Amino acid sequence: MKYSILIAVLFLFSCNNKETILLPKANVSVVADVQDHSPIYLFFRTKNQDTLTEVNRKNSIITTNWILNIDKRLPLRVVIPEVIKLQEKKRKEKAHKNEKAENYYAYADSIAKNMAFFPFTKVYYKMQKPAQDGLVIYFKKNSDSVSIANTTLKVNQVVDYIHQKNGVLAPKVVLAFDKNMCFEQYIQHKIAVRALTESKNVVWSEYVF
């Protein structure tokens, strides 16, 4: 399968068929380059009035870094169950496991005009409401505000708020997302609060409900 990129549009050509993925956009490159990778595609589909996805992982190699190219229009309720399946497949691999292989989401850096990547290897997703065990940050659909302990803040204020409340980054911070949030908004929010999850020694759970 061949592909080409035009800013935030990924074109794929296979068997004389043309597929298009609208990549999420953000204004910074968290990771600018990933070597030794395999592409996986989640296409936007509709059936009647339902939004669906079609997953293409034909070219994925278990020992490589996986790059998930996900259409920005897809809601998390459709995306995350497929991501969980992919993560479980890679995590359960024993015979050819590569401990250094990472997983990334692809997106377009609208400032640098290049493809960029966001790591999510250490994230464990749960399709349920989180228990009130820790400081839950709830991200709302179509909103630049979040709810934290009965307080409403702008997304770009979250990291400073956590620092002020705890003195250091709290290990019990919990991220929760509206299941109907589109994937583009999810990536933008994750980038905005990435300082909370950048520790390489922490395994994070994220909740989608």
Foldseek 3Di string as FASTA:
>chain_A
DDWDDDQQWIWDADPNDIAIARFFEDADFPAADFPFEFEKEWGWDDDDHDIATDIDRPRGDLAAAYEYGYHQQDFQLHPVVVVQVVLVVSVPDDPRHHPPHWYWYWHGNPNVSGIHTDTDNLEAEDADDDDPFAWEWEDEAPDQWIDTPNDIDGLLCVQVVCCVVPVDQDLRYEYEYERGHGNSVVVRSCVSNVVNPPDPVHRHYYYYD
